[in-house]
Amino acid sequence: MYSIRASSVLMFAFVVACGAKGFSADDPRLARLASDREAVWWAWFTNDTTKLHQLLADQVVAINMGDSTWQDRASVLVGAQEFVKSGGKLLRVTFPKTERQVFGDCAVLYSTYEVELEQNGQKIVQRGRATEMFIWKDGVWRNSGWHLDSGS
């Protein structure tokens, strides 16, 4: 029960901090939301540090599937570097289902995802759920945090 209350309070604080005004359906920033989100995933899996510095919020918090630690921006950048150093390659990323909430300059995406990776010559497909938060700043959606799980 505590975790439900705590997460409700955090979401309320996120919404209040971002402002309550919504977006109109034809707002061009909405089209950027999907492309900037996908760009974050590609940038991480390819260790594109220039893009990661542009698209990650300074105070990002990342909770990854199967990981007991939460990552800050520095840890996220190290993780991307280690993935590429290990020989891992992203072949494909898709988001079969996404629900979107937009609150002023902040957005929350709830998605299912599928990534196809190549590691040591073998193809691996990972599926799960993602909750991602974004802040509109300097003409891009910056990812300020995510929580990934297996969906089971």
N, C-alpha and C. Protein backbone atom coordinates (compact mmCIF):
# COMPACT_ATOMS: atom_id res chain seq x y z
N MET A 1 0.82 -1.18 0.00
CA MET A 1 0.00 0.00 0.00
C MET A 1 0.87 1.26 0.00
N TYR A 2 1.95 1.23 0.76
CA TYR A 2 2.83 2.39 0.81
C TYR A 2 3.36 2.74 -0.57
N SER A 3 3.79 1.74 -1.35
CA SER A 3 4.36 2.02 -2.66
C SER A 3 3.34 2.63 -3.60
N ILE A 4 2.08 2.24 -3.48
CA ILE A 4 1.04 2.84 -4.32
C ILE A 4 0.87 4.30 -3.95
N ARG A 5 0.83 4.61 -2.67
CA ARG A 5 0.70 6.00 -2.23
C ARG A 5 1.93 6.80 -2.64
N ALA A 6 3.10 6.25 -2.43
CA ALA A 6 4.33 6.97 -2.78
C ALA A 6 4.38 7.25 -4.27
N SER A 7 4.04 6.27 -5.11
CA SER A 7 4.09 6.50 -6.55
C SER A 7 3.01 7.50 -6.97
N SER A 8 1.86 7.50 -6.31
CA SER A 8 0.81 8.47 -6.61
C SER A 8 1.27 9.89 -6.28
N VAL A 9 1.93 10.03 -5.14
CA VAL A 9 2.44 11.34 -4.75
C VAL A 9 3.50 11.81 -5.74
N LEU A 10 4.40 10.92 -6.15
CA LEU A 10 5.44 11.29 -7.11
C LEU A 10 4.84 11.70 -8.46
N MET A 11 3.84 10.96 -8.94
CA MET A 11 3.21 11.32 -10.20
C MET A 11 2.50 12.66 -10.08
N PHE A 12 1.82 12.90 -8.96
CA PHE A 12 1.16 14.19 -8.74
C PHE A 12 2.19 15.31 -8.78
N ALA A 13 3.32 15.13 -8.10
CA ALA A 13 4.37 16.15 -8.08
C ALA A 13 4.92 16.39 -9.49
N PHE A 14 5.07 15.34 -10.28
CA PHE A 14 5.55 15.45 -11.66
C PHE A 14 4.57 16.30 -12.47
N VAL A 15 3.28 16.02 -12.34
CA VAL A 15 2.26 16.75 -13.08
C VAL A 15 2.22 18.22 -12.66
N VAL A 16 2.28 18.48 -11.37
CA VAL A 16 2.25 19.85 -10.88
C VAL A 16 3.47 20.62 -11.35
N ALA A 17 4.64 20.00 -11.29
CA ALA A 17 5.87 20.65 -11.71
C ALA A 17 5.87 20.98 -13.19
N CYS A 18 5.17 20.19 -13.98
CA CYS A 18 5.17 20.36 -15.43
C CYS A 18 4.07 21.30 -15.92
N GLY A 19 3.15 21.64 -15.07
CA GLY A 19 2.04 22.49 -15.50
C GLY A 19 0.90 21.64 -15.99
N ALA A 20 -0.30 22.14 -15.90
CA ALA A 20 -1.48 21.35 -16.22
C ALA A 20 -1.98 21.56 -17.64
N LYS A 21 -1.42 22.50 -18.38
CA LYS A 21 -1.93 22.74 -19.72
C LYS A 21 -1.63 21.56 -20.63
N GLY A 22 -2.55 21.25 -21.48
CA GLY A 22 -2.37 20.13 -22.39
C GLY A 22 -1.86 20.58 -23.74
N PHE A 23 -1.73 19.64 -24.63
CA PHE A 23 -1.30 19.90 -25.99
C PHE A 23 -2.50 19.78 -26.90
N SER A 24 -2.52 20.55 -27.95
CA SER A 24 -3.54 20.32 -28.97
C SER A 24 -3.08 19.16 -29.84
N ALA A 25 -4.02 18.51 -30.47
CA ALA A 25 -3.71 17.31 -31.27
C ALA A 25 -2.74 17.61 -32.40
N ASP A 26 -2.70 18.85 -32.88
CA ASP A 26 -1.82 19.18 -34.01
C ASP A 26 -0.49 19.81 -33.57
N ASP A 27 -0.20 19.79 -32.28
CA ASP A 27 1.05 20.36 -31.77
C ASP A 27 2.22 19.55 -32.32
N PRO A 28 3.17 20.18 -33.01
CA PRO A 28 4.29 19.44 -33.61
C PRO A 28 5.19 18.75 -32.59
N ARG A 29 5.13 19.19 -31.34
CA ARG A 29 5.95 18.54 -30.31
C ARG A 29 5.51 17.10 -30.07
N LEU A 30 4.24 16.81 -30.31
CA LEU A 30 3.76 15.44 -30.11
C LEU A 30 4.41 14.47 -31.09
N ALA A 31 4.60 14.90 -32.33
CA ALA A 31 5.28 14.04 -33.31
C ALA A 31 6.72 13.79 -32.89
N ARG A 32 7.35 14.77 -32.30
CA ARG A 32 8.73 14.62 -31.84
C ARG A 32 8.85 13.67 -30.67
N LEU A 33 7.80 13.55 -29.87
CA LEU A 33 7.85 12.69 -28.69
C LEU A 33 8.21 11.26 -29.06
N ALA A 34 7.53 10.69 -30.04
CA ALA A 34 7.82 9.31 -30.45
C ALA A 34 9.21 9.19 -31.05
N SER A 35 9.61 10.14 -31.87
CA SER A 35 10.93 10.03 -32.51
C SER A 35 12.06 10.27 -31.51
N ASP A 36 11.88 11.22 -30.58
CA ASP A 36 12.92 11.44 -29.58
C ASP A 36 13.03 10.25 -28.64
N ARG A 37 11.91 9.62 -28.30
CA ARG A 37 11.96 8.43 -27.45
C ARG A 37 12.73 7.30 -28.14
N GLU A 38 12.42 7.05 -29.41
CA GLU A 38 13.14 5.99 -30.13
C GLU A 38 14.62 6.35 -30.27
N ALA A 39 14.91 7.63 -30.47
CA ALA A 39 16.31 8.06 -30.60
C ALA A 39 17.10 7.79 -29.32
N VAL A 40 16.46 7.92 -28.15
CA VAL A 40 17.14 7.61 -26.88
C VAL A 40 17.54 6.14 -26.85
N TRP A 41 16.62 5.26 -27.23
CA TRP A 41 16.92 3.83 -27.23
C TRP A 41 18.08 3.51 -28.18
N TRP A 42 18.01 4.03 -29.42
CA TRP A 42 19.09 3.78 -30.38
C TRP A 42 20.41 4.36 -29.88
N ALA A 43 20.36 5.56 -29.31
CA ALA A 43 21.59 6.20 -28.82
C ALA A 43 22.22 5.37 -27.70
N TRP A 44 21.40 4.82 -26.80
CA TRP A 44 21.96 4.01 -25.71
C TRP A 44 22.60 2.75 -26.27
N PHE A 45 21.88 2.04 -27.12
CA PHE A 45 22.39 0.77 -27.63
C PHE A 45 23.57 0.93 -28.59
N THR A 46 23.81 2.13 -29.11
CA THR A 46 24.95 2.37 -30.00
C THR A 46 26.01 3.24 -29.33
N ASN A 47 25.78 3.58 -28.07
CA ASN A 47 26.69 4.45 -27.30
C ASN A 47 26.95 5.76 -28.03
N ASP A 48 25.90 6.36 -28.57
CA ASP A 48 26.00 7.67 -29.22
C ASP A 48 25.95 8.73 -28.12
N THR A 49 27.12 9.05 -27.57
CA THR A 49 27.17 9.94 -26.41
C THR A 49 26.69 11.35 -26.74
N THR A 50 26.91 11.81 -27.95
CA THR A 50 26.42 13.14 -28.33
C THR A 50 24.91 13.19 -28.22
N LYS A 51 24.25 12.19 -28.77
CA LYS A 51 22.79 12.13 -28.74
C LYS A 51 22.29 11.90 -27.31
N LEU A 52 22.98 11.05 -26.55
CA LEU A 52 22.57 10.81 -25.17
C LEU A 52 22.67 12.08 -24.33
N HIS A 53 23.72 12.86 -24.52
CA HIS A 53 23.84 14.11 -23.78
C HIS A 53 22.72 15.08 -24.15
N GLN A 54 22.27 15.03 -25.39
CA GLN A 54 21.17 15.89 -25.84
C GLN A 54 19.83 15.41 -25.31
N LEU A 55 19.61 14.10 -25.26
CA LEU A 55 18.28 13.56 -25.00
C LEU A 55 18.04 13.03 -23.59
N LEU A 56 19.06 13.01 -22.75
CA LEU A 56 18.87 12.60 -21.35
C LEU A 56 18.84 13.83 -20.46
N ALA A 57 17.88 13.88 -19.55
CA ALA A 57 17.85 14.96 -18.57
C ALA A 57 19.06 14.83 -17.66
N ASP A 58 19.48 15.95 -17.11
CA ASP A 58 20.65 15.93 -16.22
C ASP A 58 20.44 15.04 -15.01
N GLN A 59 19.23 14.97 -14.50
CA GLN A 59 18.97 14.21 -13.29
C GLN A 59 18.13 12.97 -13.58
N VAL A 60 18.48 12.25 -14.63
CA VAL A 60 17.74 11.05 -15.02
C VAL A 60 17.84 9.98 -13.92
N VAL A 61 16.76 9.22 -13.78
CA VAL A 61 16.73 8.05 -12.89
C VAL A 61 16.23 6.88 -13.73
N ALA A 62 17.02 5.82 -13.80
CA ALA A 62 16.67 4.66 -14.62
C ALA A 62 16.59 3.41 -13.77
N ILE A 63 15.48 2.69 -13.94
CA ILE A 63 15.29 1.40 -13.28
C ILE A 63 15.15 0.38 -14.39
N ASN A 64 16.14 -0.47 -14.53
CA ASN A 64 16.16 -1.43 -15.63
C ASN A 64 15.71 -2.81 -15.16
N MET A 65 15.18 -3.56 -16.10
CA MET A 65 14.67 -4.90 -15.81
C MET A 65 15.79 -5.77 -15.23
N GLY A 66 15.48 -6.43 -14.12
CA GLY A 66 16.41 -7.37 -13.53
C GLY A 66 17.58 -6.73 -12.80
N ASP A 67 17.57 -5.41 -12.64
CA ASP A 67 18.67 -4.73 -11.98
C ASP A 67 18.18 -4.20 -10.64
N SER A 68 18.90 -4.48 -9.57
CA SER A 68 18.46 -4.06 -8.25
C SER A 68 18.90 -2.64 -7.91
N THR A 69 19.75 -2.06 -8.73
CA THR A 69 20.20 -0.68 -8.47
C THR A 69 19.50 0.28 -9.42
N TRP A 70 19.35 1.50 -8.98
CA TRP A 70 18.80 2.55 -9.83
C TRP A 70 19.98 3.33 -10.38
N GLN A 71 19.88 3.75 -11.63
CA GLN A 71 20.99 4.43 -12.28
C GLN A 71 20.74 5.92 -12.41
N ASP A 72 21.81 6.68 -12.22
CA ASP A 72 21.77 8.11 -12.52
C ASP A 72 22.35 8.31 -13.93
N ARG A 73 22.47 9.54 -14.35
CA ARG A 73 22.94 9.82 -15.71
C ARG A 73 24.31 9.21 -15.99
N ALA A 74 25.24 9.36 -15.05
CA ALA A 74 26.59 8.81 -15.25
C ALA A 74 26.54 7.29 -15.42
N SER A 75 25.73 6.62 -14.62
CA SER A 75 25.61 5.16 -14.72
C SER A 75 24.96 4.73 -16.03
N VAL A 76 23.99 5.51 -16.49
CA VAL A 76 23.34 5.21 -17.78
C VAL A 76 24.37 5.30 -18.91
N LEU A 77 25.20 6.33 -18.87
CA LEU A 77 26.22 6.50 -19.91
C LEU A 77 27.25 5.38 -19.87
N VAL A 78 27.66 4.97 -18.67
CA VAL A 78 28.60 3.85 -18.53
C VAL A 78 27.96 2.57 -19.06
N GLY A 79 26.69 2.34 -18.76
CA GLY A 79 26.00 1.15 -19.24
C GLY A 79 25.97 1.07 -20.76
N ALA A 80 25.74 2.20 -21.41
CA ALA A 80 25.74 2.23 -22.88
C ALA A 80 27.12 1.88 -23.42
N GLN A 81 28.13 2.46 -22.81
CA GLN A 81 29.50 2.19 -23.24
C GLN A 81 29.85 0.71 -23.06
N GLU A 82 29.46 0.14 -21.93
CA GLU A 82 29.77 -1.27 -21.66
C GLU A 82 29.03 -2.20 -22.62
N PHE A 83 27.78 -1.87 -22.96
CA PHE A 83 27.04 -2.70 -23.90
C PHE A 83 27.77 -2.77 -25.24
N VAL A 84 28.19 -1.63 -25.76
CA VAL A 84 28.88 -1.60 -27.05
C VAL A 84 30.25 -2.28 -26.96
N LYS A 85 30.98 -2.04 -25.86
CA LYS A 85 32.28 -2.69 -25.68
C LYS A 85 32.16 -4.21 -25.64
N SER A 86 31.03 -4.71 -25.15
CA SER A 86 30.83 -6.16 -25.06
C SER A 86 30.52 -6.78 -26.43
N GLY A 87 30.38 -5.93 -27.45
CA GLY A 87 30.08 -6.43 -28.78
C GLY A 87 28.60 -6.47 -29.09
N GLY A 88 27.77 -5.98 -28.19
CA GLY A 88 26.33 -5.99 -28.41
C GLY A 88 25.92 -5.01 -29.49
N LYS A 89 24.90 -5.40 -30.26
CA LYS A 89 24.37 -4.54 -31.32
C LYS A 89 22.85 -4.57 -31.28
N LEU A 90 22.26 -3.41 -31.44
CA LEU A 90 20.82 -3.32 -31.56
C LEU A 90 20.45 -3.50 -33.03
N LEU A 91 19.56 -4.45 -33.28
CA LEU A 91 19.09 -4.69 -34.65
C LEU A 91 17.73 -4.03 -34.90
N ARG A 92 16.92 -3.99 -33.84
CA ARG A 92 15.55 -3.48 -34.01
C ARG A 92 14.98 -3.11 -32.65
N VAL A 93 14.18 -2.06 -32.62
CA VAL A 93 13.40 -1.72 -31.44
C VAL A 93 12.01 -1.32 -31.92
N THR A 94 10.98 -1.88 -31.28
CA THR A 94 9.60 -1.53 -31.61
C THR A 94 8.81 -1.34 -30.32
N PHE A 95 7.75 -0.59 -30.44
CA PHE A 95 6.86 -0.32 -29.32
C PHE A 95 5.45 -0.68 -29.77
N PRO A 96 5.05 -1.96 -29.62
CA PRO A 96 3.76 -2.42 -30.14
C PRO A 96 2.56 -1.67 -29.58
N LYS A 97 2.65 -1.23 -28.34
CA LYS A 97 1.54 -0.49 -27.74
C LYS A 97 2.11 0.63 -26.89
N THR A 98 1.57 1.84 -27.08
CA THR A 98 2.00 2.99 -26.27
C THR A 98 0.78 3.83 -25.92
N GLU A 99 0.68 4.15 -24.65
CA GLU A 99 -0.30 5.12 -24.16
C GLU A 99 0.48 6.34 -23.74
N ARG A 100 -0.08 7.51 -23.98
CA ARG A 100 0.64 8.75 -23.75
C ARG A 100 -0.20 9.68 -22.88
N GLN A 101 0.48 10.32 -21.92
CA GLN A 101 -0.12 11.40 -21.14
C GLN A 101 0.82 12.60 -21.25
N VAL A 102 0.24 13.76 -21.57
CA VAL A 102 1.05 14.96 -21.72
C VAL A 102 0.50 16.02 -20.78
N PHE A 103 1.40 16.61 -20.01
CA PHE A 103 1.06 17.63 -19.03
C PHE A 103 1.98 18.82 -19.25
N GLY A 104 1.54 19.79 -20.02
CA GLY A 104 2.40 20.94 -20.30
C GLY A 104 3.66 20.49 -21.01
N ASP A 105 4.80 20.76 -20.39
CA ASP A 105 6.09 20.40 -21.00
C ASP A 105 6.60 19.04 -20.54
N CYS A 106 5.74 18.23 -19.97
CA CYS A 106 6.12 16.89 -19.50
C CYS A 106 5.20 15.84 -20.12
N ALA A 107 5.77 14.67 -20.35
CA ALA A 107 4.99 13.57 -20.92
C ALA A 107 5.40 12.27 -20.26
N VAL A 108 4.43 11.37 -20.15
CA VAL A 108 4.67 10.03 -19.64
C VAL A 108 4.22 9.05 -20.72
N LEU A 109 5.07 8.10 -21.07
CA LEU A 109 4.73 7.06 -22.03
C LEU A 109 4.71 5.72 -21.31
N TYR A 110 3.63 4.98 -21.51
CA TYR A 110 3.49 3.62 -21.00
C TYR A 110 3.48 2.72 -22.22
N SER A 111 4.42 1.80 -22.32
CA SER A 111 4.58 1.03 -23.55
C SER A 111 4.91 -0.42 -23.29
N THR A 112 4.63 -1.21 -24.31
CA THR A 112 5.29 -2.51 -24.42
C THR A 112 6.40 -2.29 -25.44
N TYR A 113 7.50 -3.01 -25.26
CA TYR A 113 8.61 -2.85 -26.20
C TYR A 113 9.17 -4.21 -26.57
N GLU A 114 9.88 -4.21 -27.69
CA GLU A 114 10.59 -5.40 -28.14
C GLU A 114 11.89 -4.93 -28.76
N VAL A 115 13.00 -5.47 -28.28
CA VAL A 115 14.29 -5.18 -28.87
C VAL A 115 14.91 -6.48 -29.38
N GLU A 116 15.50 -6.40 -30.54
CA GLU A 116 16.26 -7.52 -31.08
C GLU A 116 17.72 -7.12 -31.06
N LEU A 117 18.51 -7.93 -30.38
CA LEU A 117 19.93 -7.66 -30.19
C LEU A 117 20.76 -8.76 -30.82
N GLU A 118 21.99 -8.42 -31.11
CA GLU A 118 22.96 -9.44 -31.50
C GLU A 118 24.08 -9.39 -30.47
N GLN A 119 24.34 -10.53 -29.85
CA GLN A 119 25.38 -10.62 -28.84
C GLN A 119 26.18 -11.89 -29.11
N ASN A 120 27.46 -11.77 -29.33
CA ASN A 120 28.33 -12.92 -29.61
C ASN A 120 27.81 -13.75 -30.77
N GLY A 121 27.33 -13.08 -31.81
CA GLY A 121 26.85 -13.77 -33.01
C GLY A 121 25.46 -14.36 -32.89
N GLN A 122 24.82 -14.23 -31.74
CA GLN A 122 23.48 -14.78 -31.54
C GLN A 122 22.47 -13.64 -31.45
N LYS A 123 21.31 -13.89 -32.05
CA LYS A 123 20.21 -12.92 -31.96
C LYS A 123 19.39 -13.22 -30.71
N ILE A 124 19.06 -12.15 -30.01
CA ILE A 124 18.28 -12.25 -28.78
C ILE A 124 17.13 -11.26 -28.89
N VAL A 125 15.93 -11.70 -28.54
CA VAL A 125 14.78 -10.80 -28.51
C VAL A 125 14.35 -10.63 -27.06
N GLN A 126 14.24 -9.39 -26.64
CA GLN A 126 13.78 -9.07 -25.29
C GLN A 126 12.47 -8.29 -25.40
N ARG A 127 11.51 -8.68 -24.58
CA ARG A 127 10.22 -7.99 -24.55
C ARG A 127 9.93 -7.55 -23.13
N GLY A 128 9.18 -6.47 -23.01
CA GLY A 128 8.81 -6.02 -21.68
C GLY A 128 7.91 -4.81 -21.74
N ARG A 129 7.78 -4.19 -20.58
CA ARG A 129 6.99 -2.96 -20.46
C ARG A 129 7.91 -1.83 -20.04
N ALA A 130 7.57 -0.63 -20.46
CA ALA A 130 8.36 0.55 -20.12
C ALA A 130 7.43 1.68 -19.69
N THR A 131 7.83 2.37 -18.65
CA THR A 131 7.22 3.64 -18.27
C THR A 131 8.34 4.66 -18.38
N GLU A 132 8.13 5.68 -19.22
CA GLU A 132 9.18 6.67 -19.47
C GLU A 132 8.63 8.07 -19.27
N MET A 133 9.43 8.94 -18.66
CA MET A 133 9.06 10.33 -18.46
C MET A 133 9.96 11.22 -19.30
N PHE A 134 9.34 12.25 -19.90
CA PHE A 134 10.06 13.17 -20.77
C PHE A 134 9.72 14.61 -20.41
N ILE A 135 10.71 15.49 -20.60
CA ILE A 135 10.55 16.92 -20.37
C ILE A 135 10.94 17.64 -21.65
N TRP A 136 10.08 18.55 -22.12
CA TRP A 136 10.36 19.35 -23.31
C TRP A 136 11.32 20.47 -22.94
N LYS A 137 12.51 20.46 -23.53
CA LYS A 137 13.51 21.48 -23.23
C LYS A 137 14.42 21.67 -24.43
N ASP A 138 14.65 22.91 -24.79
CA ASP A 138 15.56 23.26 -25.89
C ASP A 138 15.17 22.58 -27.20
N GLY A 139 13.88 22.43 -27.44
CA GLY A 139 13.41 21.90 -28.72
C GLY A 139 13.43 20.39 -28.86
N VAL A 140 13.68 19.67 -27.75
CA VAL A 140 13.65 18.20 -27.79
C VAL A 140 12.99 17.67 -26.52
N TRP A 141 12.53 16.44 -26.60
CA TRP A 141 12.01 15.74 -25.43
C TRP A 141 13.18 15.03 -24.76
N ARG A 142 13.50 15.42 -23.55
CA ARG A 142 14.59 14.80 -22.79
C ARG A 142 14.01 13.73 -21.87
N ASN A 143 14.60 12.57 -21.93
CA ASN A 143 14.15 11.47 -21.08
C ASN A 143 14.67 11.71 -19.67
N SER A 144 13.74 11.85 -18.72
CA SER A 144 14.14 12.13 -17.35
C SER A 144 14.08 10.89 -16.46
N GLY A 145 13.56 9.78 -17.01
CA GLY A 145 13.55 8.56 -16.23
C GLY A 145 12.74 7.47 -16.88
N TRP A 146 13.05 6.23 -16.48
CA TRP A 146 12.29 5.09 -16.99
C TRP A 146 12.32 3.95 -16.00
N HIS A 147 11.34 3.09 -16.17
CA HIS A 147 11.24 1.85 -15.40
C HIS A 147 10.88 0.76 -16.41
N LEU A 148 11.74 -0.23 -16.54
CA LEU A 148 11.52 -1.35 -17.44
C LEU A 148 11.22 -2.60 -16.62
N ASP A 149 10.27 -3.42 -17.09
CA ASP A 149 10.04 -4.70 -16.45
C ASP A 149 9.66 -5.74 -17.50
N SER A 150 9.60 -6.98 -17.07
CA SER A 150 9.35 -8.07 -18.00
C SER A 150 7.89 -8.17 -18.41
N GLY A 151 7.01 -7.54 -17.66
CA GLY A 151 5.59 -7.61 -17.99
C GLY A 151 4.91 -8.83 -17.45
N SER A 152 5.61 -9.63 -16.67
CA SER A 152 4.98 -10.82 -16.12
C SER A 152 4.73 -10.69 -14.65
